[in-house]
mmCIF file of all heavy atoms, coordinates in Angstrom:
data_MODEL
# 
_entry.id   MODEL 
# 
loop_
_atom_site.group_PDB 
_atom_site.id 
_atom_site.type_symbol 
_atom_site.label_atom_id 
_atom_site.label_alt_id 
_atom_site.label_comp_id 
_atom_site.label_asym_id 
_atom_site.label_entity_id 
_atom_site.label_seq_id 
_atom_site.pdbx_PDB_ins_code 
_atom_site.Cartn_x 
_atom_site.Cartn_y 
_atom_site.Cartn_z 
_atom_site.occupancy 
_atom_site.B_iso_or_equiv 
_atom_site.pdbx_formal_charge 
_atom_site.auth_seq_id 
_atom_site.auth_comp_id 
_atom_site.auth_asym_id 
_atom_site.auth_atom_id 
_atom_site.pdbx_PDB_model_num 
ATOM 1   N N   . ILE A 1 1  ? -49.796 7.395  15.887 1.00 0.00 ? 1  ILE A N   1 
ATOM 2   C CA  . ILE A 1 1  ? -50.884 8.251  16.368 1.00 0.00 ? 1  ILE A CA  1 
ATOM 3   C C   . ILE A 1 1  ? -51.664 8.759  15.154 1.00 0.00 ? 1  ILE A C   1 
ATOM 4   O O   . ILE A 1 1  ? -51.272 9.719  14.501 1.00 0.00 ? 1  ILE A O   1 
ATOM 5   C CB  . ILE A 1 1  ? -50.351 9.439  17.198 1.00 0.00 ? 1  ILE A CB  1 
ATOM 6   C CG1 . ILE A 1 1  ? -49.429 8.949  18.310 1.00 0.00 ? 1  ILE A CG1 1 
ATOM 7   C CG2 . ILE A 1 1  ? -51.508 10.243 17.776 1.00 0.00 ? 1  ILE A CG2 1 
ATOM 8   C CD1 . ILE A 1 1  ? -48.779 10.058 19.105 1.00 0.00 ? 1  ILE A CD1 1 
ATOM 9   N N   . GLN A 1 2  ? -52.770 8.085  14.857 1.00 0.00 ? 2  GLN A N   1 
ATOM 10  C CA  . GLN A 1 2  ? -53.566 8.425  13.682 1.00 0.00 ? 2  GLN A CA  1 
ATOM 11  C C   . GLN A 1 2  ? -54.997 8.831  14.030 1.00 0.00 ? 2  GLN A C   1 
ATOM 12  O O   . GLN A 1 2  ? -55.617 9.609  13.323 1.00 0.00 ? 2  GLN A O   1 
ATOM 13  C CB  . GLN A 1 2  ? -53.618 7.214  12.730 1.00 0.00 ? 2  GLN A CB  1 
ATOM 14  C CG  . GLN A 1 2  ? -52.260 6.766  12.215 1.00 0.00 ? 2  GLN A CG  1 
ATOM 15  C CD  . GLN A 1 2  ? -51.648 7.759  11.244 1.00 0.00 ? 2  GLN A CD  1 
ATOM 16  O OE1 . GLN A 1 2  ? -52.342 8.363  10.434 1.00 0.00 ? 2  GLN A OE1 1 
ATOM 17  N NE2 . GLN A 1 2  ? -50.336 7.935  11.335 1.00 0.00 ? 2  GLN A NE2 1 
ATOM 18  N N   . THR A 1 3  ? -55.521 8.278  15.122 1.00 0.00 ? 3  THR A N   1 
ATOM 19  C CA  . THR A 1 3  ? -56.915 8.512  15.501 1.00 0.00 ? 3  THR A CA  1 
ATOM 20  C C   . THR A 1 3  ? -57.000 8.931  16.963 1.00 0.00 ? 3  THR A C   1 
ATOM 21  O O   . THR A 1 3  ? -56.011 8.893  17.701 1.00 0.00 ? 3  THR A O   1 
ATOM 22  C CB  . THR A 1 3  ? -57.758 7.241  15.300 1.00 0.00 ? 3  THR A CB  1 
ATOM 23  O OG1 . THR A 1 3  ? -57.309 6.242  16.246 1.00 0.00 ? 3  THR A OG1 1 
ATOM 24  C CG2 . THR A 1 3  ? -57.601 6.696  13.878 1.00 0.00 ? 3  THR A CG2 1 
ATOM 25  N N   . LEU A 1 4  ? -58.201 9.296  17.395 1.00 0.00 ? 4  LEU A N   1 
ATOM 26  C CA  . LEU A 1 4  ? -58.410 9.664  18.797 1.00 0.00 ? 4  LEU A CA  1 
ATOM 27  C C   . LEU A 1 4  ? -58.061 8.509  19.731 1.00 0.00 ? 4  LEU A C   1 
ATOM 28  O O   . LEU A 1 4  ? -57.510 8.724  20.817 1.00 0.00 ? 4  LEU A O   1 
ATOM 29  C CB  . LEU A 1 4  ? -59.860 10.097 19.018 1.00 0.00 ? 4  LEU A CB  1 
ATOM 30  C CG  . LEU A 1 4  ? -60.285 11.427 18.375 1.00 0.00 ? 4  LEU A CG  1 
ATOM 31  C CD1 . LEU A 1 4  ? -61.773 11.653 18.589 1.00 0.00 ? 4  LEU A CD1 1 
ATOM 32  C CD2 . LEU A 1 4  ? -59.479 12.591 18.928 1.00 0.00 ? 4  LEU A CD2 1 
ATOM 33  N N   . ALA A 1 5  ? -58.364 7.288  19.311 1.00 0.00 ? 5  ALA A N   1 
ATOM 34  C CA  . ALA A 1 5  ? -58.075 6.119  20.149 1.00 0.00 ? 5  ALA A CA  1 
ATOM 35  C C   . ALA A 1 5  ? -56.585 5.989  20.436 1.00 0.00 ? 5  ALA A C   1 
ATOM 36  O O   . ALA A 1 5  ? -56.188 5.491  21.492 1.00 0.00 ? 5  ALA A O   1 
ATOM 37  C CB  . ALA A 1 5  ? -58.594 4.850  19.472 1.00 0.00 ? 5  ALA A CB  1 
ATOM 38  N N   . ASP A 1 6  ? -55.752 6.473  19.508 1.00 0.00 ? 6  ASP A N   1 
ATOM 39  C CA  . ASP A 1 6  ? -54.297 6.369  19.678 1.00 0.00 ? 6  ASP A CA  1 
ATOM 40  C C   . ASP A 1 6  ? -53.756 7.347  20.717 1.00 0.00 ? 6  ASP A C   1 
ATOM 41  O O   . ASP A 1 6  ? -52.592 7.252  21.112 1.00 0.00 ? 6  ASP A O   1 
ATOM 42  C CB  . ASP A 1 6  ? -53.590 6.615  18.332 1.00 0.00 ? 6  ASP A CB  1 
ATOM 43  C CG  . ASP A 1 6  ? -53.981 5.602  17.273 1.00 0.00 ? 6  ASP A CG  1 
ATOM 44  O OD1 . ASP A 1 6  ? -54.252 4.442  17.644 1.00 0.00 ? 6  ASP A OD1 1 
ATOM 45  O OD2 . ASP A 1 6  ? -54.016 5.974  16.079 1.00 0.00 ? 6  ASP A OD2 1 
ATOM 46  N N   . VAL A 1 7  ? -54.582 8.294  21.139 1.00 0.00 ? 7  VAL A N   1 
ATOM 47  C CA  . VAL A 1 7  ? -54.134 9.291  22.118 1.00 0.00 ? 7  VAL A CA  1 
ATOM 48  C C   . VAL A 1 7  ? -54.050 8.681  23.517 1.00 0.00 ? 7  VAL A C   1 
ATOM 49  O O   . VAL A 1 7  ? -53.274 9.151  24.360 1.00 0.00 ? 7  VAL A O   1 
ATOM 50  C CB  . VAL A 1 7  ? -55.091 10.508 22.110 1.00 0.00 ? 7  VAL A CB  1 
ATOM 51  C CG1 . VAL A 1 7  ? -54.713 11.515 23.191 1.00 0.00 ? 7  VAL A CG1 1 
ATOM 52  C CG2 . VAL A 1 7  ? -55.072 11.191 20.733 1.00 0.00 ? 7  VAL A CG2 1 
ATOM 53  N N   . ARG A 1 8  ? -54.812 7.632  23.769 1.00 0.00 ? 8  ARG A N   1 
ATOM 54  C CA  . ARG A 1 8  ? -54.829 7.014  25.101 1.00 0.00 ? 8  ARG A CA  1 
ATOM 55  C C   . ARG A 1 8  ? -53.405 6.611  25.537 1.00 0.00 ? 8  ARG A C   1 
ATOM 56  O O   . ARG A 1 8  ? -52.671 5.974  24.803 1.00 0.00 ? 8  ARG A O   1 
ATOM 57  C CB  . ARG A 1 8  ? -55.737 5.794  25.111 1.00 0.00 ? 8  ARG A CB  1 
ATOM 58  C CG  . ARG A 1 8  ? -55.820 5.109  26.476 1.00 0.00 ? 8  ARG A CG  1 
ATOM 59  C CD  . ARG A 1 8  ? -56.745 3.912  26.472 1.00 0.00 ? 8  ARG A CD  1 
ATOM 60  N NE  . ARG A 1 8  ? -58.140 4.320  26.619 1.00 0.00 ? 8  ARG A NE  1 
ATOM 61  C CZ  . ARG A 1 8  ? -59.041 4.260  25.654 1.00 0.00 ? 8  ARG A CZ  1 
ATOM 62  N NH1 . ARG A 1 8  ? -58.696 3.804  24.452 1.00 0.00 ? 8  ARG A NH1 1 
ATOM 63  N NH2 . ARG A 1 8  ? -60.288 4.641  25.867 1.00 0.00 ? 8  ARG A NH2 1 
ATOM 64  N N   . GLY A 1 9  ? -53.041 7.025  26.734 1.00 0.00 ? 9  GLY A N   1 
ATOM 65  C CA  . GLY A 1 9  ? -51.739 6.665  27.290 1.00 0.00 ? 9  GLY A CA  1 
ATOM 66  C C   . GLY A 1 9  ? -50.586 7.537  26.840 1.00 0.00 ? 9  GLY A C   1 
ATOM 67  O O   . GLY A 1 9  ? -49.453 7.362  27.303 1.00 0.00 ? 9  GLY A O   1 
ATOM 68  N N   . LYS A 1 10 ? -50.841 8.507  25.965 1.00 0.00 ? 10 LYS A N   1 
ATOM 69  C CA  . LYS A 1 10 ? -49.758 9.351  25.446 1.00 0.00 ? 10 LYS A CA  1 
ATOM 70  C C   . LYS A 1 10 ? -49.516 10.564 26.340 1.00 0.00 ? 10 LYS A C   1 
ATOM 71  O O   . LYS A 1 10 ? -50.304 10.903 27.216 1.00 0.00 ? 10 LYS A O   1 
ATOM 72  C CB  . LYS A 1 10 ? -50.101 9.814  24.024 1.00 0.00 ? 10 LYS A CB  1 
ATOM 73  C CG  . LYS A 1 10 ? -50.306 8.676  23.023 1.00 0.00 ? 10 LYS A CG  1 
ATOM 74  C CD  . LYS A 1 10 ? -49.060 7.855  22.851 1.00 0.00 ? 10 LYS A CD  1 
ATOM 75  C CE  . LYS A 1 10 ? -49.162 6.883  21.681 1.00 0.00 ? 10 LYS A CE  1 
ATOM 76  N NZ  . LYS A 1 10 ? -50.216 5.867  21.829 1.00 0.00 ? 10 LYS A NZ  1 
ATOM 77  N N   . ARG A 1 11 ? -48.404 11.261 26.067 1.00 0.00 ? 11 ARG A N   1 
ATOM 78  C CA  . ARG A 1 11 ? -48.056 12.502 26.772 1.00 0.00 ? 11 ARG A CA  1 
ATOM 79  C C   . ARG A 1 11 ? -48.657 13.684 26.009 1.00 0.00 ? 11 ARG A C   1 
ATOM 80  O O   . ARG A 1 11 ? -48.400 13.849 24.810 1.00 0.00 ? 11 ARG A O   1 
ATOM 81  C CB  . ARG A 1 11 ? -46.537 12.659 26.858 1.00 0.00 ? 11 ARG A CB  1 
ATOM 82  C CG  . ARG A 1 11 ? -45.822 11.532 27.614 1.00 0.00 ? 11 ARG A CG  1 
ATOM 83  C CD  . ARG A 1 11 ? -44.312 11.620 27.406 1.00 0.00 ? 11 ARG A CD  1 
ATOM 84  N NE  . ARG A 1 11 ? -43.971 11.506 25.986 1.00 0.00 ? 11 ARG A NE  1 
ATOM 85  C CZ  . ARG A 1 11 ? -42.776 11.788 25.475 1.00 0.00 ? 11 ARG A CZ  1 
ATOM 86  N NH1 . ARG A 1 11 ? -41.808 12.221 26.271 1.00 0.00 ? 11 ARG A NH1 1 
ATOM 87  N NH2 . ARG A 1 11 ? -42.548 11.650 24.184 1.00 0.00 ? 11 ARG A NH2 1 
ATOM 88  N N   . ILE A 1 12 ? -49.449 14.492 26.713 1.00 0.00 ? 12 ILE A N   1 
ATOM 89  C CA  . ILE A 1 12 ? -50.155 15.605 26.072 1.00 0.00 ? 12 ILE A CA  1 
ATOM 90  C C   . ILE A 1 12 ? -49.664 16.928 26.643 1.00 0.00 ? 12 ILE A C   1 
ATOM 91  O O   . ILE A 1 12 ? -49.645 17.121 27.868 1.00 0.00 ? 12 ILE A O   1 
ATOM 92  C CB  . ILE A 1 12 ? -51.677 15.501 26.285 1.00 0.00 ? 12 ILE A CB  1 
ATOM 93  C CG1 . ILE A 1 12 ? -52.209 14.197 25.680 1.00 0.00 ? 12 ILE A CG1 1 
ATOM 94  C CG2 . ILE A 1 12 ? -52.388 16.705 25.684 1.00 0.00 ? 12 ILE A CG2 1 
ATOM 95  C CD1 . ILE A 1 12 ? -53.681 13.959 25.964 1.00 0.00 ? 12 ILE A CD1 1 
ATOM 96  N N   . ALA A 1 13 ? -49.261 17.838 25.759 1.00 0.00 ? 13 ALA A N   1 
ATOM 97  C CA  . ALA A 1 13 ? -48.818 19.169 26.178 1.00 0.00 ? 13 ALA A CA  1 
ATOM 98  C C   . ALA A 1 13 ? -49.904 20.201 25.892 1.00 0.00 ? 13 ALA A C   1 
ATOM 99  O O   . ALA A 1 13 ? -50.464 20.239 24.796 1.00 0.00 ? 13 ALA A O   1 
ATOM 100 C CB  . ALA A 1 13 ? -47.529 19.553 25.442 1.00 0.00 ? 13 ALA A CB  1 
ATOM 101 N N   . THR A 1 14 ? -50.208 21.014 26.892 1.00 0.00 ? 14 THR A N   1 
ATOM 102 C CA  . THR A 1 14 ? -51.107 22.150 26.717 1.00 0.00 ? 14 THR A CA  1 
ATOM 103 C C   . THR A 1 14 ? -50.657 23.242 27.680 1.00 0.00 ? 14 THR A C   1 
ATOM 104 O O   . THR A 1 14 ? -49.851 22.994 28.581 1.00 0.00 ? 14 THR A O   1 
ATOM 105 C CB  . THR A 1 14 ? -52.573 21.768 26.964 1.00 0.00 ? 14 THR A CB  1 
ATOM 106 O OG1 . THR A 1 14 ? -53.406 22.893 26.647 1.00 0.00 ? 14 THR A OG1 1 
ATOM 107 C CG2 . THR A 1 14 ? -52.820 21.349 28.402 1.00 0.00 ? 14 THR A CG2 1 
ATOM 108 N N   . THR A 1 15 ? -51.159 24.450 27.486 1.00 0.00 ? 15 THR A N   1 
ATOM 109 C CA  . THR A 1 15 ? -50.666 25.571 28.281 1.00 0.00 ? 15 THR A CA  1 
ATOM 110 C C   . THR A 1 15 ? -51.069 25.488 29.753 1.00 0.00 ? 15 THR A C   1 
ATOM 111 O O   . THR A 1 15 ? -50.254 25.700 30.634 1.00 0.00 ? 15 THR A O   1 
ATOM 112 C CB  . THR A 1 15 ? -51.149 26.899 27.690 1.00 0.00 ? 15 THR A CB  1 
ATOM 113 O OG1 . THR A 1 15 ? -52.571 26.834 27.488 1.00 0.00 ? 15 THR A OG1 1 
ATOM 114 C CG2 . THR A 1 15 ? -50.462 27.189 26.367 1.00 0.00 ? 15 THR A CG2 1 
ATOM 115 N N   . HIS A 1 16 ? -52.339 25.172 30.032 1.00 0.00 ? 16 HIS A N   1 
ATOM 116 C CA  . HIS A 1 16 ? -52.764 25.062 31.418 1.00 0.00 ? 16 HIS A CA  1 
ATOM 117 C C   . HIS A 1 16 ? -54.016 24.198 31.515 1.00 0.00 ? 16 HIS A C   1 
ATOM 118 O O   . HIS A 1 16 ? -54.741 24.020 30.543 1.00 0.00 ? 16 HIS A O   1 
ATOM 119 C CB  . HIS A 1 16 ? -52.983 26.427 32.061 1.00 0.00 ? 16 HIS A CB  1 
ATOM 120 C CG  . HIS A 1 16 ? -53.933 27.323 31.323 1.00 0.00 ? 16 HIS A CG  1 
ATOM 121 N ND1 . HIS A 1 16 ? -53.701 27.798 30.051 1.00 0.00 ? 16 HIS A ND1 1 
ATOM 122 C CD2 . HIS A 1 16 ? -55.136 27.838 31.682 1.00 0.00 ? 16 HIS A CD2 1 
ATOM 123 C CE1 . HIS A 1 16 ? -54.704 28.568 29.662 1.00 0.00 ? 16 HIS A CE1 1 
ATOM 124 N NE2 . HIS A 1 16 ? -55.585 28.595 30.625 1.00 0.00 ? 16 HIS A NE2 1 
ATOM 125 N N   . LYS A 1 17 ? -54.259 23.668 32.688 1.00 0.00 ? 17 LYS A N   1 
ATOM 126 C CA  . LYS A 1 17 ? -55.275 22.623 32.853 1.00 0.00 ? 17 LYS A CA  1 
ATOM 127 C C   . LYS A 1 17 ? -56.704 23.133 32.772 1.00 0.00 ? 17 LYS A C   1 
ATOM 128 O O   . LYS A 1 17 ? -57.631 22.332 32.632 1.00 0.00 ? 17 LYS A O   1 
ATOM 129 C CB  . LYS A 1 17 ? -55.073 21.881 34.174 1.00 0.00 ? 17 LYS A CB  1 
ATOM 130 C CG  . LYS A 1 17 ? -55.243 22.727 35.418 1.00 0.00 ? 17 LYS A CG  1 
ATOM 131 C CD  . LYS A 1 17 ? -54.983 21.880 36.661 1.00 0.00 ? 17 LYS A CD  1 
ATOM 132 C CE  . LYS A 1 17 ? -55.118 22.683 37.943 1.00 0.00 ? 17 LYS A CE  1 
ATOM 133 N NZ  . LYS A 1 17 ? -54.855 21.852 39.133 1.00 0.00 ? 17 LYS A NZ  1 
ATOM 134 N N   . GLU A 1 18 ? -56.921 24.446 32.865 1.00 0.00 ? 18 GLU A N   1 
ATOM 135 C CA  . GLU A 1 18 ? -58.273 24.969 32.760 1.00 0.00 ? 18 GLU A CA  1 
ATOM 136 C C   . GLU A 1 18 ? -58.428 25.874 31.545 1.00 0.00 ? 18 GLU A C   1 
ATOM 137 O O   . GLU A 1 18 ? -59.330 26.710 31.483 1.00 0.00 ? 18 GLU A O   1 
ATOM 138 C CB  . GLU A 1 18 ? -58.658 25.713 34.048 1.00 0.00 ? 18 GLU A CB  1 
ATOM 139 C CG  . GLU A 1 18 ? -58.767 24.789 35.256 1.00 0.00 ? 18 GLU A CG  1 
ATOM 140 C CD  . GLU A 1 18 ? -59.299 25.480 36.483 1.00 0.00 ? 18 GLU A CD  1 
ATOM 141 O OE1 . GLU A 1 18 ? -59.581 26.692 36.421 1.00 0.00 ? 18 GLU A OE1 1 
ATOM 142 O OE2 . GLU A 1 18 ? -59.431 24.818 37.525 1.00 0.00 ? 18 GLU A OE2 1 
ATOM 143 N N   . GLY A 1 19 ? -57.536 25.695 30.560 1.00 0.00 ? 19 GLY A N   1 
ATOM 144 C CA  . GLY A 1 19 ? -57.670 26.441 29.320 1.00 0.00 ? 19 GLY A CA  1 
ATOM 145 C C   . GLY A 1 19 ? -58.952 26.050 28.597 1.00 0.00 ? 19 GLY A C   1 
ATOM 146 O O   . GLY A 1 19 ? -59.480 24.956 28.797 1.00 0.00 ? 19 GLY A O   1 
ATOM 147 N N   . PHE A 1 20 ? -59.452 26.927 27.754 1.00 0.00 ? 20 PHE A N   1 
ATOM 148 C CA  . PHE A 1 20 ? -60.696 26.629 27.048 1.00 0.00 ? 20 PHE A CA  1 
ATOM 149 C C   . PHE A 1 20 ? -60.414 26.013 25.683 1.00 0.00 ? 20 PHE A C   1 
ATOM 150 O O   . PHE A 1 20 ? -60.648 24.833 25.455 1.00 0.00 ? 20 PHE A O   1 
ATOM 151 C CB  . PHE A 1 20 ? -61.546 27.890 26.922 1.00 0.00 ? 20 PHE A CB  1 
ATOM 152 C CG  . PHE A 1 20 ? -62.930 27.612 26.379 1.00 0.00 ? 20 PHE A CG  1 
ATOM 153 C CD1 . PHE A 1 20 ? -63.768 26.711 27.023 1.00 0.00 ? 20 PHE A CD1 1 
ATOM 154 C CD2 . PHE A 1 20 ? -63.389 28.238 25.235 1.00 0.00 ? 20 PHE A CD2 1 
ATOM 155 C CE1 . PHE A 1 20 ? -65.038 26.438 26.531 1.00 0.00 ? 20 PHE A CE1 1 
ATOM 156 C CE2 . PHE A 1 20 ? -64.652 27.983 24.736 1.00 0.00 ? 20 PHE A CE2 1 
ATOM 157 C CZ  . PHE A 1 20 ? -65.477 27.079 25.386 1.00 0.00 ? 20 PHE A CZ  1 
ATOM 158 N N   . ALA A 1 21 ? -59.851 26.820 24.758 1.00 0.00 ? 21 ALA A N   1 
ATOM 159 C CA  . ALA A 1 21 ? -59.562 26.297 23.415 1.00 0.00 ? 21 ALA A CA  1 
ATOM 160 C C   . ALA A 1 21 ? -58.312 25.443 23.387 1.00 0.00 ? 21 ALA A C   1 
ATOM 161 O O   . ALA A 1 21 ? -58.037 24.790 22.387 1.00 0.00 ? 21 ALA A O   1 
ATOM 162 C CB  . ALA A 1 21 ? -59.417 27.451 22.425 1.00 0.00 ? 21 ALA A CB  1 
ATOM 163 N N   . ALA A 1 22 ? -57.536 25.443 24.469 1.00 0.00 ? 22 ALA A N   1 
ATOM 164 C CA  . ALA A 1 22 ? -56.314 24.645 24.513 1.00 0.00 ? 22 ALA A CA  1 
ATOM 165 C C   . ALA A 1 22 ? -56.399 23.531 25.549 1.00 0.00 ? 22 ALA A C   1 
ATOM 166 O O   . ALA A 1 22 ? -55.384 22.958 25.912 1.00 0.00 ? 22 ALA A O   1 
ATOM 167 C CB  . ALA A 1 22 ? -55.111 25.536 24.811 1.00 0.00 ? 22 ALA A CB  1 
ATOM 168 N N   . MET A 1 23 ? -57.632 23.225 26.027 1.00 0.00 ? 23 MET A N   1 
ATOM 169 C CA  . MET A 1 23 ? -57.773 22.113 26.964 1.00 0.00 ? 23 MET A CA  1 
ATOM 170 C C   . MET A 1 23 ? -59.199 21.565 26.973 1.00 0.00 ? 23 MET A C   1 
ATOM 171 O O   . MET A 1 23 ? -59.438 20.430 26.584 1.00 0.00 ? 23 MET A O   1 
ATOM 172 C CB  . MET A 1 23 ? -57.362 22.541 28.379 1.00 0.00 ? 23 MET A CB  1 
ATOM 173 C CG  . MET A 1 23 ? -57.535 21.459 29.435 1.00 0.00 ? 23 MET A CG  1 
ATOM 174 S SD  . MET A 1 23 ? -56.503 19.992 29.110 1.00 0.00 ? 23 MET A SD  1 
ATOM 175 C CE  . MET A 1 23 ? -56.989 18.938 30.479 1.00 0.00 ? 23 MET A CE  1 
ATOM 176 N N   . LEU A 1 24 ? -60.168 22.380 27.426 1.00 0.00 ? 24 LEU A N   1 
ATOM 177 C CA  . LEU A 1 24 ? -61.513 21.858 27.618 1.00 0.00 ? 24 LEU A CA  1 
ATOM 178 C C   . LEU A 1 24 ? -62.152 21.354 26.325 1.00 0.00 ? 24 LEU A C   1 
ATOM 179 O O   . LEU A 1 24 ? -62.845 20.325 26.331 1.00 0.00 ? 24 LEU A O   1 
ATOM 180 C CB  . LEU A 1 24 ? -62.407 22.922 28.253 1.00 0.00 ? 24 LEU A CB  1 
ATOM 181 C CG  . LEU A 1 24 ? -62.104 23.292 29.707 1.00 0.00 ? 24 LEU A CG  1 
ATOM 182 C CD1 . LEU A 1 24 ? -63.111 24.301 30.226 1.00 0.00 ? 24 LEU A CD1 1 
ATOM 183 C CD2 . LEU A 1 24 ? -62.097 22.058 30.586 1.00 0.00 ? 24 LEU A CD2 1 
# 
């Protein structure tokens, strides 16, 4: 995982789905 393209298909952790600085 080196670039944005490498994020595709990965597991992403964030606090909540409508967070601003931690999601949107």
